[in-house]
């Protein structure tokens, strides 16, 4: 049975999880409109994840996706963190603030959080997806025994092969055009930076698992094009940021509608891992900080979040983690249900 049929989708569309942006309200609206909504719980703890899943279940009886981060535990390098904070100190000073005395990881990966794994098994969401890698074999076996459909984000054929061997049911083929964090399993390894078209075709031709295309897709024509490439569905994230149900703040929404949308950039400066963001003051620091390596993900995020908070308190939103893909200028500020309906209509017209 195909993913679309299994989850009774009326359009082959998955809303990307987007930690910090995708709310249960947004996911439920997407689900109710006939697509697969999603929340990301990698930036919270088990109690926070439980509240999000339960709220989503209260809002919809339809299937949904819960996304987890599976990055390894960061290596805390005090000297590297101190050098990073020293370099950022003038930026904090310009906002009338001082940098944190030390940096810590603001959240844990799934491998470090047994309570999160236990919650997943207890709540057994219809779909569970993984970013930055794969969970351990015992959790995969246990989730499959609970009837959970498993998806992994991949950025290369090698990662897709690993996902198939690990027991995933499908993969998200994340092209370099995609907004937010690259799903690479090892950010220190060379990245071929495959685009959505090339990666989707490579994975479809390999025929290991169903492929969900992601990266730069913003409208129904893009969904149709993904299916023409052999994908079973498309995953859209940036398209949903401007929806009123998302948690994007006013500065993020203004940036999405501004000139920065035409010049997204891949940067590791904000969080410590490569991620595509709208052009802003943080992405513009690439040249200034090129001689330094940021602390490991997500330790670097502690500094990024603190700088953004200090700047935002003074009305400056240019240091936000404004993740967005290369299709950002095509974003539409529609309610999520209306956006899904529009995407469905466009997809149907595009397929003739």
C-alpha atoms as a PDB file:
ATOM      1  CA  UNK A   1       0.000   0.000   0.000  1.00  0.00           C
ATOM      2  CA  UNK A   2       1.373   3.416  -0.936  1.00  0.00           C
ATOM      3  CA  UNK A   3       2.046   6.108   1.656  1.00  0.00           C
ATOM      4  CA  UNK A   4      -0.758   8.236   0.167  1.00  0.00           C
ATOM      5  CA  UNK A   5      -3.277   5.407   0.442  1.00  0.00           C
ATOM      6  CA  UNK A   6      -2.124   4.229   3.854  1.00  0.00           C
ATOM      7  CA  UNK A   7      -2.652   7.658   5.398  1.00  0.00           C
ATOM      8  CA  UNK A   8      -5.702   8.581   3.308  1.00  0.00           C
ATOM      9  CA  UNK A   9      -4.114  11.694   1.825  1.00  0.00           C
ATOM     10  CA  UNK A  10      -6.087  13.640  -0.759  1.00  0.00           C
ATOM     11  CA  UNK A  11      -2.889  15.274  -2.010  1.00  0.00           C
ATOM     12  CA  UNK A  12       0.611  13.676  -1.980  1.00  0.00           C
ATOM     13  CA  UNK A  13       1.917  16.279   0.428  1.00  0.00           C
ATOM     14  CA  UNK A  14       3.803  16.183   3.707  1.00  0.00           C
ATOM     15  CA  UNK A  15       4.251  19.331   5.779  1.00  0.00           C
ATOM     16  CA  UNK A  16       7.842  19.466   7.018  1.00  0.00           C
ATOM     17  CA  UNK A  17       8.205  19.203  10.814  1.00  0.00           C
ATOM     18  CA  UNK A  18      10.200  22.458  11.342  1.00  0.00           C
ATOM     19  CA  UNK A  19      11.190  22.530  15.025  1.00  0.00           C
ATOM     20  CA  UNK A  20      10.152  25.781  16.648  1.00  0.00           C
ATOM     21  CA  UNK A  21       7.809  26.690  13.784  1.00  0.00           C
ATOM     22  CA  UNK A  22       5.381  23.811  13.238  1.00  0.00           C
ATOM     23  CA  UNK A  23       2.797  23.856  16.014  1.00  0.00           C
ATOM     24  CA  UNK A  24       0.155  21.229  16.803  1.00  0.00           C
ATOM     25  CA  UNK A  25      -2.370  23.774  15.504  1.00  0.00           C
ATOM     26  CA  UNK A  26      -0.563  23.980  12.151  1.00  0.00           C
ATOM     27  CA  UNK A  27      -0.101  20.214  11.865  1.00  0.00           C
ATOM     28  CA  UNK A  28      -3.746  19.538  12.722  1.00  0.00           C
ATOM     29  CA  UNK A  29      -4.969  22.022  10.127  1.00  0.00           C
ATOM     30  CA  UNK A  30      -2.784  20.361   7.488  1.00  0.00           C
ATOM     31  CA  UNK A  31      -4.062  16.916   8.477  1.00  0.00           C
ATOM     32  CA  UNK A  32      -7.692  18.012   8.439  1.00  0.00           C
ATOM     33  CA  UNK A  33      -7.180  19.447   4.945  1.00  0.00           C
ATOM     34  CA  UNK A  34      -6.012  16.059   3.618  1.00  0.00           C
ATOM     35  CA  UNK A  35      -2.198  16.189   3.799  1.00  0.00           C
ATOM     36  CA  UNK A  36       0.187  14.764   6.409  1.00  0.00           C
ATOM     37  CA  UNK A  37       0.905  17.329   9.108  1.00  0.00           C
ATOM     38  CA  UNK A  38       3.940  17.141  11.358  1.00  0.00           C
ATOM     39  CA  UNK A  39       5.475  18.414  14.561  1.00  0.00           C
ATOM     40  CA  UNK A  40       9.136  18.263  15.590  1.00  0.00           C
ATOM     41  CA  UNK A  41       9.981  17.415  19.190  1.00  0.00           C
ATOM     42  CA  UNK A  42      13.764  17.382  18.925  1.00  0.00           C
ATOM     43  CA  UNK A  43      14.008  20.819  20.534  1.00  0.00           C
ATOM     44  CA  UNK A  44      12.023  19.875  23.633  1.00  0.00           C
ATOM     45  CA  UNK A  45      12.076  17.160  26.286  1.00  0.00           C
ATOM     46  CA  UNK A  46       9.778  14.176  26.776  1.00  0.00           C
ATOM     47  CA  UNK A  47       7.259  16.173  28.794  1.00  0.00           C
ATOM     48  CA  UNK A  48       7.094  18.860  26.125  1.00  0.00           C
ATOM     49  CA  UNK A  49       6.796  16.248  23.401  1.00  0.00           C
ATOM     50  CA  UNK A  50       3.971  14.516  25.256  1.00  0.00           C
ATOM     51  CA  UNK A  51       2.052  17.777  25.505  1.00  0.00           C
ATOM     52  CA  UNK A  52       2.533  18.486  21.792  1.00  0.00           C
ATOM     53  CA  UNK A  53       1.470  15.000  20.696  1.00  0.00           C
ATOM     54  CA  UNK A  54      -1.554  15.005  22.981  1.00  0.00           C
ATOM     55  CA  UNK A  55      -2.631  18.447  21.782  1.00  0.00           C
ATOM     56  CA  UNK A  56      -2.305  17.322  18.180  1.00  0.00           C
ATOM     57  CA  UNK A  57      -4.385  14.212  18.890  1.00  0.00           C
ATOM     58  CA  UNK A  58      -7.023  16.405  20.522  1.00  0.00           C
ATOM     59  CA  UNK A  59      -7.183  18.538  17.375  1.00  0.00           C
ATOM     60  CA  UNK A  60      -7.328  15.793  14.738  1.00  0.00           C
ATOM     61  CA  UNK A  61      -8.099  12.104  14.425  1.00  0.00           C
ATOM     62  CA  UNK A  62      -6.147  11.890  11.191  1.00  0.00           C
ATOM     63  CA  UNK A  63      -2.594  10.468  10.889  1.00  0.00           C
ATOM     64  CA  UNK A  64       0.354  12.775  11.609  1.00  0.00           C
ATOM     65  CA  UNK A  65       4.146  12.716  11.807  1.00  0.00           C
ATOM     66  CA  UNK A  66       6.377  13.279  14.848  1.00  0.00           C
ATOM     67  CA  UNK A  67       9.984  14.160  14.042  1.00  0.00           C
ATOM     68  CA  UNK A  68      13.079  13.519  16.180  1.00  0.00           C
ATOM     69  CA  UNK A  69      16.706  14.694  16.018  1.00  0.00           C
ATOM     70  CA  UNK A  70      19.231  11.848  16.228  1.00  0.00           C
ATOM     71  CA  UNK A  71      22.489  13.800  16.297  1.00  0.00           C
ATOM     72  CA  UNK A  72      25.340  12.396  18.402  1.00  0.00           C
ATOM     73  CA  UNK A  73      26.205  13.897  21.757  1.00  0.00           C
ATOM     74  CA  UNK A  74      28.241  17.075  21.181  1.00  0.00           C
ATOM     75  CA  UNK A  75      31.858  17.306  22.216  1.00  0.00           C
ATOM     76  CA  UNK A  76      32.197  20.149  24.676  1.00  0.00           C
ATOM     77  CA  UNK A  77      35.411  21.981  23.805  1.00  0.00           C
ATOM     78  CA  UNK A  78      35.834  24.787  26.351  1.00  0.00           C
ATOM     79  CA  UNK A  79      38.584  26.546  24.398  1.00  0.00           C
ATOM     80  CA  UNK A  80      36.576  26.531  21.173  1.00  0.00           C
ATOM     81  CA  UNK A  81      33.471  27.800  22.994  1.00  0.00           C
ATOM     82  CA  UNK A  82      35.473  30.577  24.670  1.00  0.00           C
ATOM     83  CA  UNK A  83      36.950  31.689  21.355  1.00  0.00           C
ATOM     84  CA  UNK A  84      33.499  31.713  19.794  1.00  0.00           C
ATOM     85  CA  UNK A  85      32.023  33.802  22.596  1.00  0.00           C
ATOM     86  CA  UNK A  86      34.951  36.214  22.459  1.00  0.00           C
ATOM     87  CA  UNK A  87      34.382  36.777  18.745  1.00  0.00           C
ATOM     88  CA  UNK A  88      30.646  37.293  19.276  1.00  0.00           C
ATOM     89  CA  UNK A  89      31.126  39.656  22.233  1.00  0.00           C
ATOM     90  CA  UNK A  90      31.111  42.858  20.132  1.00  0.00           C
ATOM     91  CA  UNK A  91      27.807  41.799  18.574  1.00  0.00           C
ATOM     92  CA  UNK A  92      26.297  41.317  22.019  1.00  0.00           C
ATOM     93  CA  UNK A  93      27.737  44.663  23.121  1.00  0.00           C
ATOM     94  CA  UNK A  94      26.082  46.376  20.168  1.00  0.00           C
ATOM     95  CA  UNK A  95      22.780  45.082  21.525  1.00  0.00           C
ATOM     96  CA  UNK A  96      23.515  46.277  25.064  1.00  0.00           C
ATOM     97  CA  UNK A  97      24.198  42.752  26.302  1.00  0.00           C
ATOM     98  CA  UNK A  98      27.020  40.428  27.248  1.00  0.00           C
ATOM     99  CA  UNK A  99      27.444  36.888  25.916  1.00  0.00           C
ATOM    100  CA  UNK A 100      26.768  33.887  28.149  1.00  0.00           C
ATOM    101  CA  UNK A 101      29.644  32.978  30.468  1.00  0.00           C
ATOM    102  CA  UNK A 102      29.538  29.389  29.198  1.00  0.00           C
ATOM    103  CA  UNK A 103      27.689  27.457  26.535  1.00  0.00           C
ATOM    104  CA  UNK A 104      25.595  24.336  26.945  1.00  0.00           C
ATOM    105  CA  UNK A 105      23.598  22.110  24.639  1.00  0.00           C
ATOM    106  CA  UNK A 106      20.016  23.428  24.769  1.00  0.00           C
ATOM    107  CA  UNK A 107      18.555  20.000  23.996  1.00  0.00           C
ATOM    108  CA  UNK A 108      19.534  16.355  23.598  1.00  0.00           C
ATOM    109  CA  UNK A 109      19.507  13.972  20.680  1.00  0.00           C
ATOM    110  CA  UNK A 110      17.302  10.891  20.778  1.00  0.00           C
ATOM    111  CA  UNK A 111      20.219   8.572  21.640  1.00  0.00           C
ATOM    112  CA  UNK A 112      20.804  10.560  24.852  1.00  0.00           C
ATOM    113  CA  UNK A 113      17.148  10.711  25.863  1.00  0.00           C
ATOM    114  CA  UNK A 114      15.629   7.388  26.957  1.00  0.00           C
ATOM    115  CA  UNK A 115      12.538   9.206  28.234  1.00  0.00           C
ATOM    116  CA  UNK A 116      11.827  10.440  24.703  1.00  0.00           C
ATOM    117  CA  UNK A 117      12.185   6.928  23.303  1.00  0.00           C
ATOM    118  CA  UNK A 118       9.819   5.610  25.962  1.00  0.00           C
ATOM    119  CA  UNK A 119       7.303   8.341  25.126  1.00  0.00           C
ATOM    120  CA  UNK A 120       7.378   7.423  21.436  1.00  0.00           C
ATOM    121  CA  UNK A 121       6.611   3.815  22.259  1.00  0.00           C
ATOM    122  CA  UNK A 122       3.855   4.828  24.655  1.00  0.00           C
ATOM    123  CA  UNK A 123       2.124   7.292  22.336  1.00  0.00           C
ATOM    124  CA  UNK A 124       2.991   5.410  19.088  1.00  0.00           C
ATOM    125  CA  UNK A 125       2.332   8.234  16.601  1.00  0.00           C
ATOM    126  CA  UNK A 126       1.205   7.004  13.165  1.00  0.00           C
ATOM    127  CA  UNK A 127       4.456   8.276  11.626  1.00  0.00           C
ATOM    128  CA  UNK A 128       7.821   8.938  13.240  1.00  0.00           C
ATOM    129  CA  UNK A 129      10.600  10.581  11.245  1.00  0.00           C
ATOM    130  CA  UNK A 130      14.278  11.097  11.970  1.00  0.00           C
ATOM    131  CA  UNK A 131      16.686  13.911  11.106  1.00  0.00           C
ATOM    132  CA  UNK A 132      20.513  13.898  11.277  1.00  0.00           C
ATOM    133  CA  UNK A 133      20.774  10.124  11.227  1.00  0.00           C
ATOM    134  CA  UNK A 134      19.093   6.904  12.294  1.00  0.00           C
ATOM    135  CA  UNK A 135      17.915   5.546  15.639  1.00  0.00           C
ATOM    136  CA  UNK A 136      19.295   2.360  17.147  1.00  0.00           C
ATOM    137  CA  UNK A 137      18.018  -1.013  15.956  1.00  0.00           C
ATOM    138  CA  UNK A 138      16.157  -1.800  19.182  1.00  0.00           C
ATOM    139  CA  UNK A 139      13.996   1.323  18.911  1.00  0.00           C
ATOM    140  CA  UNK A 140      13.302   0.686  15.220  1.00  0.00           C
ATOM    141  CA  UNK A 141      12.142  -2.847  16.035  1.00  0.00           C
ATOM    142  CA  UNK A 142       9.988  -1.646  18.920  1.00  0.00           C
ATOM    143  CA  UNK A 143       8.343   1.130  16.907  1.00  0.00           C
ATOM    144  CA  UNK A 144       7.644  -1.170  13.990  1.00  0.00           C
ATOM    145  CA  UNK A 145       6.021  -3.627  16.406  1.00  0.00           C
ATOM    146  CA  UNK A 146       3.691  -0.792  17.442  1.00  0.00           C
ATOM    147  CA  UNK A 147       2.696  -0.245  13.798  1.00  0.00           C
ATOM    148  CA  UNK A 148       4.584   3.041  13.422  1.00  0.00           C
ATOM    149  CA  UNK A 149       5.610   4.089   9.896  1.00  0.00           C
ATOM    150  CA  UNK A 150       9.243   5.215   9.894  1.00  0.00           C
ATOM    151  CA  UNK A 151      10.832   7.889   7.690  1.00  0.00           C
ATOM    152  CA  UNK A 152      14.413   9.163   7.604  1.00  0.00           C
ATOM    153  CA  UNK A 153      15.758  12.314   5.969  1.00  0.00           C
ATOM    154  CA  UNK A 154      18.678  11.552   3.645  1.00  0.00           C
ATOM    155  CA  UNK A 155      20.919  13.731   1.505  1.00  0.00           C
ATOM    156  CA  UNK A 156      22.792  11.073  -0.478  1.00  0.00           C
ATOM    157  CA  UNK A 157      22.392   7.563  -1.928  1.00  0.00           C
ATOM    158  CA  UNK A 158      24.708   6.189   0.772  1.00  0.00           C
ATOM    159  CA  UNK A 159      22.477   7.578   3.514  1.00  0.00           C
ATOM    160  CA  UNK A 160      19.426   6.153   1.735  1.00  0.00           C
ATOM    161  CA  UNK A 161      21.084   2.722   1.654  1.00  0.00           C
ATOM    162  CA  UNK A 162      21.730   2.981   5.390  1.00  0.00           C
ATOM    163  CA  UNK A 163      18.106   3.970   5.984  1.00  0.00           C
ATOM    164  CA  UNK A 164      16.864   0.942   4.052  1.00  0.00           C
ATOM    165  CA  UNK A 165      19.202  -1.375   5.966  1.00  0.00           C
ATOM    166  CA  UNK A 166      18.005   0.118   9.258  1.00  0.00           C
ATOM    167  CA  UNK A 167      14.353  -0.724   8.538  1.00  0.00           C
ATOM    168  CA  UNK A 168      12.920   2.616   7.483  1.00  0.00           C
ATOM    169  CA  UNK A 169       9.687   2.562   5.457  1.00  0.00           C
ATOM    170  CA  UNK A 170      10.485   5.627   3.328  1.00  0.00           C
ATOM    171  CA  UNK A 171      13.039   8.396   2.925  1.00  0.00           C
ATOM    172  CA  UNK A 172      12.804  12.140   2.500  1.00  0.00           C
ATOM    173  CA  UNK A 173      15.236  13.094  -0.273  1.00  0.00           C
ATOM    174  CA  UNK A 174      16.418  16.466   1.015  1.00  0.00           C
ATOM    175  CA  UNK A 175      17.929  18.509  -1.804  1.00  0.00           C
ATOM    176  CA  UNK A 176      20.418  21.271  -1.167  1.00  0.00           C
ATOM    177  CA  UNK A 177      17.637  23.785  -1.944  1.00  0.00           C
ATOM    178  CA  UNK A 178      15.784  22.875   1.260  1.00  0.00           C
ATOM    179  CA  UNK A 179      15.441  25.264   4.167  1.00  0.00           C
ATOM    180  CA  UNK A 180      16.536  24.475   7.690  1.00  0.00           C
ATOM    181  CA  UNK A 181      19.192  22.036   8.794  1.00  0.00           C
ATOM    182  CA  UNK A 182      20.839  19.689   6.336  1.00  0.00           C
ATOM    183  CA  UNK A 183      19.917  16.174   7.347  1.00  0.00           C
ATOM    184  CA  UNK A 184      23.407  14.831   6.715  1.00  0.00           C
ATOM    185  CA  UNK A 185      24.328  11.990   9.039  1.00  0.00           C
ATOM    186  CA  UNK A 186      27.897  13.282   9.451  1.00  0.00           C
ATOM    187  CA  UNK A 187      28.270  17.048   8.983  1.00  0.00           C
ATOM    188  CA  UNK A 188      32.067  16.687   8.985  1.00  0.00           C
ATOM    189  CA  UNK A 189      32.000  14.425   5.921  1.00  0.00           C
ATOM    190  CA  UNK A 190      32.097  15.830   2.377  1.00  0.00           C
ATOM    191  CA  UNK A 191      28.643  16.866   1.156  1.00  0.00           C
ATOM    192  CA  UNK A 192      27.952  16.409  -2.552  1.00  0.00           C
ATOM    193  CA  UNK A 193      25.181  19.030  -2.139  1.00  0.00           C
ATOM    194  CA  UNK A 194      22.842  17.150  -4.475  1.00  0.00           C
ATOM    195  CA  UNK A 195      19.807  19.076  -5.665  1.00  0.00           C
ATOM    196  CA  UNK A 196      16.281  17.796  -5.212  1.00  0.00           C
ATOM    197  CA  UNK A 197      15.896  16.639  -8.825  1.00  0.00           C
ATOM    198  CA  UNK A 198      19.173  14.719  -8.981  1.00  0.00           C
ATOM    199  CA  UNK A 199      18.818  13.163  -5.529  1.00  0.00           C
ATOM    200  CA  UNK A 200      15.210  12.141  -6.075  1.00  0.00           C
ATOM    201  CA  UNK A 201      16.026  10.459  -9.396  1.00  0.00           C
ATOM    202  CA  UNK A 202      19.054   8.671  -7.954  1.00  0.00           C
ATOM    203  CA  UNK A 203      17.011   7.262  -5.100  1.00  0.00           C
ATOM    204  CA  UNK A 204      14.023   6.365  -7.265  1.00  0.00           C
ATOM    205  CA  UNK A 205      16.261   4.521  -9.719  1.00  0.00           C
ATOM    206  CA  UNK A 206      17.864   2.598  -6.848  1.00  0.00           C
ATOM    207  CA  UNK A 207      14.343   1.517  -5.801  1.00  0.00           C
ATOM    208  CA  UNK A 208      15.302   0.753  -2.219  1.00  0.00           C
ATOM    209  CA  UNK A 209      12.475   2.683  -0.507  1.00  0.00           C
ATOM    210  CA  UNK A 210       9.631   5.048  -1.425  1.00  0.00           C
ATOM    211  CA  UNK A 211      11.004   8.546  -1.921  1.00  0.00           C
ATOM    212  CA  UNK A 212       9.502  11.818  -0.671  1.00  0.00           C
ATOM    213  CA  UNK A 213      11.070  14.772  -2.496  1.00  0.00           C
ATOM    214  CA  UNK A 214      11.977  17.886  -0.487  1.00  0.00           C
ATOM    215  CA  UNK A 215      13.760  21.137  -1.219  1.00  0.00           C
ATOM    216  CA  UNK A 216      12.570  24.217  -3.075  1.00  0.00           C
ATOM    217  CA  UNK A 217       9.041  22.887  -3.663  1.00  0.00           C
ATOM    218  CA  UNK A 218       6.455  25.586  -2.988  1.00  0.00           C
ATOM    219  CA  UNK A 219       3.383  24.968  -5.143  1.00  0.00           C
ATOM    220  CA  UNK A 220       1.255  22.309  -6.787  1.00  0.00           C
ATOM    221  CA  UNK A 221       3.329  22.372  -9.958  1.00  0.00           C
ATOM    222  CA  UNK A 222       6.356  21.495  -7.855  1.00  0.00           C
ATOM    223  CA  UNK A 223       4.485  18.601  -6.256  1.00  0.00           C
ATOM    224  CA  UNK A 224       3.520  17.323  -9.706  1.00  0.00           C
ATOM    225  CA  UNK A 225       7.128  17.627 -10.868  1.00  0.00           C
ATOM    226  CA  UNK A 226       8.315  15.604  -7.861  1.00  0.00           C
ATOM    227  CA  UNK A 227       5.877  12.831  -8.711  1.00  0.00           C
ATOM    228  CA  UNK A 228       7.008  12.924 -12.344  1.00  0.00           C
ATOM    229  CA  UNK A 229      10.500  12.197 -11.040  1.00  0.00           C
ATOM    230  CA  UNK A 230       9.160   9.071  -9.344  1.00  0.00           C
ATOM    231  CA  UNK A 231       8.623  10.380  -5.815  1.00  0.00           C
ATOM    232  CA  UNK A 232       5.519   9.163  -3.998  1.00  0.00           C
ATOM    233  CA  UNK A 233       4.965  12.578  -2.394  1.00  0.00           C
ATOM    234  CA  UNK A 234       6.575  15.958  -1.783  1.00  0.00           C
ATOM    235  CA  UNK A 235       7.493  17.527   1.547  1.00  0.00           C
ATOM    236  CA  UNK A 236       7.067  21.304   1.856  1.00  0.00           C
ATOM    237  CA  UNK A 237       8.288  23.362   4.795  1.00  0.00           C
ATOM    238  CA  UNK A 238       8.999  26.956   3.813  1.00  0.00           C
ATOM    239  CA  UNK A 239       5.580  27.095   2.146  1.00  0.00           C
ATOM    240  CA  UNK A 240       3.939  26.765   5.590  1.00  0.00           C
ATOM    241  CA  UNK A 241       6.029  29.284   7.569  1.00  0.00           C
ATOM    242  CA  UNK A 242       3.778  32.222   6.653  1.00  0.00           C
ATOM    243  CA  UNK A 243       0.603  30.396   7.722  1.00  0.00           C
ATOM    244  CA  UNK A 244      -1.021  32.070  10.738  1.00  0.00           C
ATOM    245  CA  UNK A 245      -0.955  28.727  12.592  1.00  0.00           C
ATOM    246  CA  UNK A 246       2.855  28.564  12.559  1.00  0.00           C
ATOM    247  CA  UNK A 247       4.952  29.822  15.477  1.00  0.00           C
ATOM    248  CA  UNK A 248       7.049  32.155  13.294  1.00  0.00           C
ATOM    249  CA  UNK A 249       7.278  35.538  14.986  1.00  0.00           C
ATOM    250  CA  UNK A 250       6.653  38.880  13.301  1.00  0.00           C
ATOM    251  CA  UNK A 251      10.330  39.377  12.494  1.00  0.00           C
ATOM    252  CA  UNK A 252      10.559  35.976  10.805  1.00  0.00           C
ATOM    253  CA  UNK A 253       7.414  36.661   8.764  1.00  0.00           C
ATOM    254  CA  UNK A 254       8.696  40.074   7.715  1.00  0.00           C
ATOM    255  CA  UNK A 255      12.041  38.574   6.699  1.00  0.00           C
ATOM    256  CA  UNK A 256      10.288  35.888   4.648  1.00  0.00           C
ATOM    257  CA  UNK A 257       8.465  38.615   2.723  1.00  0.00           C
ATOM    258  CA  UNK A 258      11.566  40.787   2.396  1.00  0.00           C
ATOM    259  CA  UNK A 259      14.673  40.878   0.191  1.00  0.00           C
ATOM    260  CA  UNK A 260      16.441  38.211   2.273  1.00  0.00           C
ATOM    261  CA  UNK A 261      14.100  35.619   0.770  1.00  0.00           C
ATOM    262  CA  UNK A 262      15.908  35.934  -2.559  1.00  0.00           C
ATOM    263  CA  UNK A 263      19.335  35.256  -1.071  1.00  0.00           C
ATOM    264  CA  UNK A 264      19.132  32.290   1.270  1.00  0.00           C
ATOM    265  CA  UNK A 265      22.472  30.968   2.477  1.00  0.00           C
ATOM    266  CA  UNK A 266      23.815  27.773   4.012  1.00  0.00           C
ATOM    267  CA  UNK A 267      25.432  28.530   7.365  1.00  0.00           C
ATOM    268  CA  UNK A 268      26.687  26.645  10.411  1.00  0.00           C
ATOM    269  CA  UNK A 269      27.192  29.851  12.409  1.00  0.00           C
ATOM    270  CA  UNK A 270      23.794  29.872  14.085  1.00  0.00           C
ATOM    271  CA  UNK A 271      23.588  26.322  15.415  1.00  0.00           C
ATOM    272  CA  UNK A 272      26.852  24.559  14.659  1.00  0.00           C
ATOM    273  CA  UNK A 273      25.423  22.474  11.797  1.00  0.00           C
ATOM    274  CA  UNK A 274      24.853  23.550   8.185  1.00  0.00           C
ATOM    275  CA  UNK A 275      21.390  24.992   7.657  1.00  0.00           C
ATOM    276  CA  UNK A 276      19.773  27.154   4.980  1.00  0.00           C
ATOM    277  CA  UNK A 277      18.439  30.474   6.231  1.00  0.00           C
ATOM    278  CA  UNK A 278      17.119  33.739   4.886  1.00  0.00           C
ATOM    279  CA  UNK A 279      19.860  36.274   4.289  1.00  0.00           C
ATOM    280  CA  UNK A 280      20.229  38.357   7.467  1.00  0.00           C
ATOM    281  CA  UNK A 281      22.821  39.773   9.853  1.00  0.00           C
ATOM    282  CA  UNK A 282      23.812  36.312  11.077  1.00  0.00           C
ATOM    283  CA  UNK A 283      24.379  34.811   7.639  1.00  0.00           C
ATOM    284  CA  UNK A 284      26.364  37.950   6.705  1.00  0.00           C
ATOM    285  CA  UNK A 285      28.935  37.040   9.380  1.00  0.00           C
ATOM    286  CA  UNK A 286      30.301  34.205   7.223  1.00  0.00           C
ATOM    287  CA  UNK A 287      33.397  36.141   6.143  1.00  0.00           C
ATOM    288  CA  UNK A 288      34.034  37.643   9.581  1.00  0.00           C
ATOM    289  CA  UNK A 289      33.943  34.265  11.334  1.00  0.00           C
ATOM    290  CA  UNK A 290      35.446  32.138   8.560  1.00  0.00           C
ATOM    291  CA  UNK A 291      38.652  31.492  10.523  1.00  0.00           C
ATOM    292  CA  UNK A 292      36.798  29.961  13.479  1.00  0.00           C
ATOM    293  CA  UNK A 293      34.934  26.684  13.830  1.00  0.00           C
ATOM    294  CA  UNK A 294      31.732  27.100  15.839  1.00  0.00           C
ATOM    295  CA  UNK A 295      31.127  24.791  18.803  1.00  0.00           C
ATOM    296  CA  UNK A 296      29.473  21.472  18.060  1.00  0.00           C
ATOM    297  CA  UNK A 297      25.743  21.369  17.355  1.00  0.00           C
ATOM    298  CA  UNK A 298      23.673  22.196  19.324  1.00  0.00           C
ATOM    299  CA  UNK A 299      26.087  23.948  21.711  1.00  0.00           C
ATOM    300  CA  UNK A 300      26.626  26.779  19.227  1.00  0.00           C
ATOM    301  CA  UNK A 301      22.872  27.286  19.194  1.00  0.00           C
ATOM    302  CA  UNK A 302      23.076  28.449  22.815  1.00  0.00           C
ATOM    303  CA  UNK A 303      25.085  31.474  21.699  1.00  0.00           C
ATOM    304  CA  UNK A 304      22.914  32.040  18.625  1.00  0.00           C
ATOM    305  CA  UNK A 305      19.713  31.983  20.624  1.00  0.00           C
ATOM    306  CA  UNK A 306      21.149  34.341  23.248  1.00  0.00           C
ATOM    307  CA  UNK A 307      22.292  36.848  20.615  1.00  0.00           C
ATOM    308  CA  UNK A 308      18.916  36.729  18.894  1.00  0.00           C
ATOM    309  CA  UNK A 309      17.101  37.277  22.214  1.00  0.00           C
ATOM    310  CA  UNK A 310      19.273  40.283  23.067  1.00  0.00           C
ATOM    311  CA  UNK A 311      18.788  41.809  19.628  1.00  0.00           C
ATOM    312  CA  UNK A 312      15.059  41.120  19.494  1.00  0.00           C
ATOM    313  CA  UNK A 313      14.594  42.881  22.854  1.00  0.00           C
ATOM    314  CA  UNK A 314      15.847  46.021  21.101  1.00  0.00           C
ATOM    315  CA  UNK A 315      13.662  45.497  18.016  1.00  0.00           C
ATOM    316  CA  UNK A 316      16.416  43.947  15.867  1.00  0.00           C
ATOM    317  CA  UNK A 317      15.374  40.649  14.252  1.00  0.00           C
ATOM    318  CA  UNK A 318      18.392  40.144  12.002  1.00  0.00           C
ATOM    319  CA  UNK A 319      20.016  37.513  14.197  1.00  0.00           C
ATOM    320  CA  UNK A 320      17.110  35.076  14.137  1.00  0.00           C
ATOM    321  CA  UNK A 321      17.303  31.485  12.955  1.00  0.00           C
ATOM    322  CA  UNK A 322      15.094  32.285   9.976  1.00  0.00           C
ATOM    323  CA  UNK A 323      15.312  28.946   8.218  1.00  0.00           C
ATOM    324  CA  UNK A 324      13.958  28.902   4.668  1.00  0.00           C
ATOM    325  CA  UNK A 325      14.559  27.185   1.346  1.00  0.00           C
ATOM    326  CA  UNK A 326      15.444  28.633  -2.022  1.00  0.00           C
ATOM    327  CA  UNK A 327      11.780  28.836  -3.005  1.00  0.00           C
ATOM    328  CA  UNK A 328      11.090  31.328  -0.210  1.00  0.00           C
ATOM    329  CA  UNK A 329       9.928  34.160  -2.507  1.00  0.00           C
ATOM    330  CA  UNK A 330       6.999  31.919  -3.506  1.00  0.00           C
ATOM    331  CA  UNK A 331       5.616  31.750   0.053  1.00  0.00           C
ATOM    332  CA  UNK A 332       1.944  32.636   0.536  1.00  0.00           C
ATOM    333  CA  UNK A 333       0.418  33.889   3.785  1.00  0.00           C
ATOM    334  CA  UNK A 334      -2.646  31.643   3.756  1.00  0.00           C
ATOM    335  CA  UNK A 335      -4.294  29.669   6.560  1.00  0.00           C
ATOM    336  CA  UNK A 336      -2.859  26.151   6.499  1.00  0.00           C
ATOM    337  CA  UNK A 337      -6.092  24.518   5.392  1.00  0.00           C
ATOM    338  CA  UNK A 338      -6.526  27.002   2.571  1.00  0.00           C
ATOM    339  CA  UNK A 339      -2.914  26.518   1.515  1.00  0.00           C
ATOM    340  CA  UNK A 340      -3.326  22.738   1.335  1.00  0.00           C
ATOM    341  CA  UNK A 341      -6.508  23.194  -0.715  1.00  0.00           C
ATOM    342  CA  UNK A 342      -4.684  25.582  -3.057  1.00  0.00           C
ATOM    343  CA  UNK A 343      -1.762  23.183  -3.425  1.00  0.00           C
ATOM    344  CA  UNK A 344      -4.191  20.342  -4.181  1.00  0.00           C
ATOM    345  CA  UNK A 345      -5.913  22.373  -6.875  1.00  0.00           C
ATOM    346  CA  UNK A 346      -2.586  23.408  -8.417  1.00  0.00           C
ATOM    347  CA  UNK A 347      -1.321  19.804  -8.349  1.00  0.00           C
ATOM    348  CA  UNK A 348      -4.457  18.531 -10.051  1.00  0.00           C
ATOM    349  CA  UNK A 349      -4.211  21.183 -12.765  1.00  0.00           C
ATOM    350  CA  UNK A 350      -0.519  20.456 -13.297  1.00  0.00           C
ATOM    351  CA  UNK A 351      -1.068  16.732 -13.753  1.00  0.00           C
ATOM    352  CA  UNK A 352      -3.827  17.399 -16.301  1.00  0.00           C
END
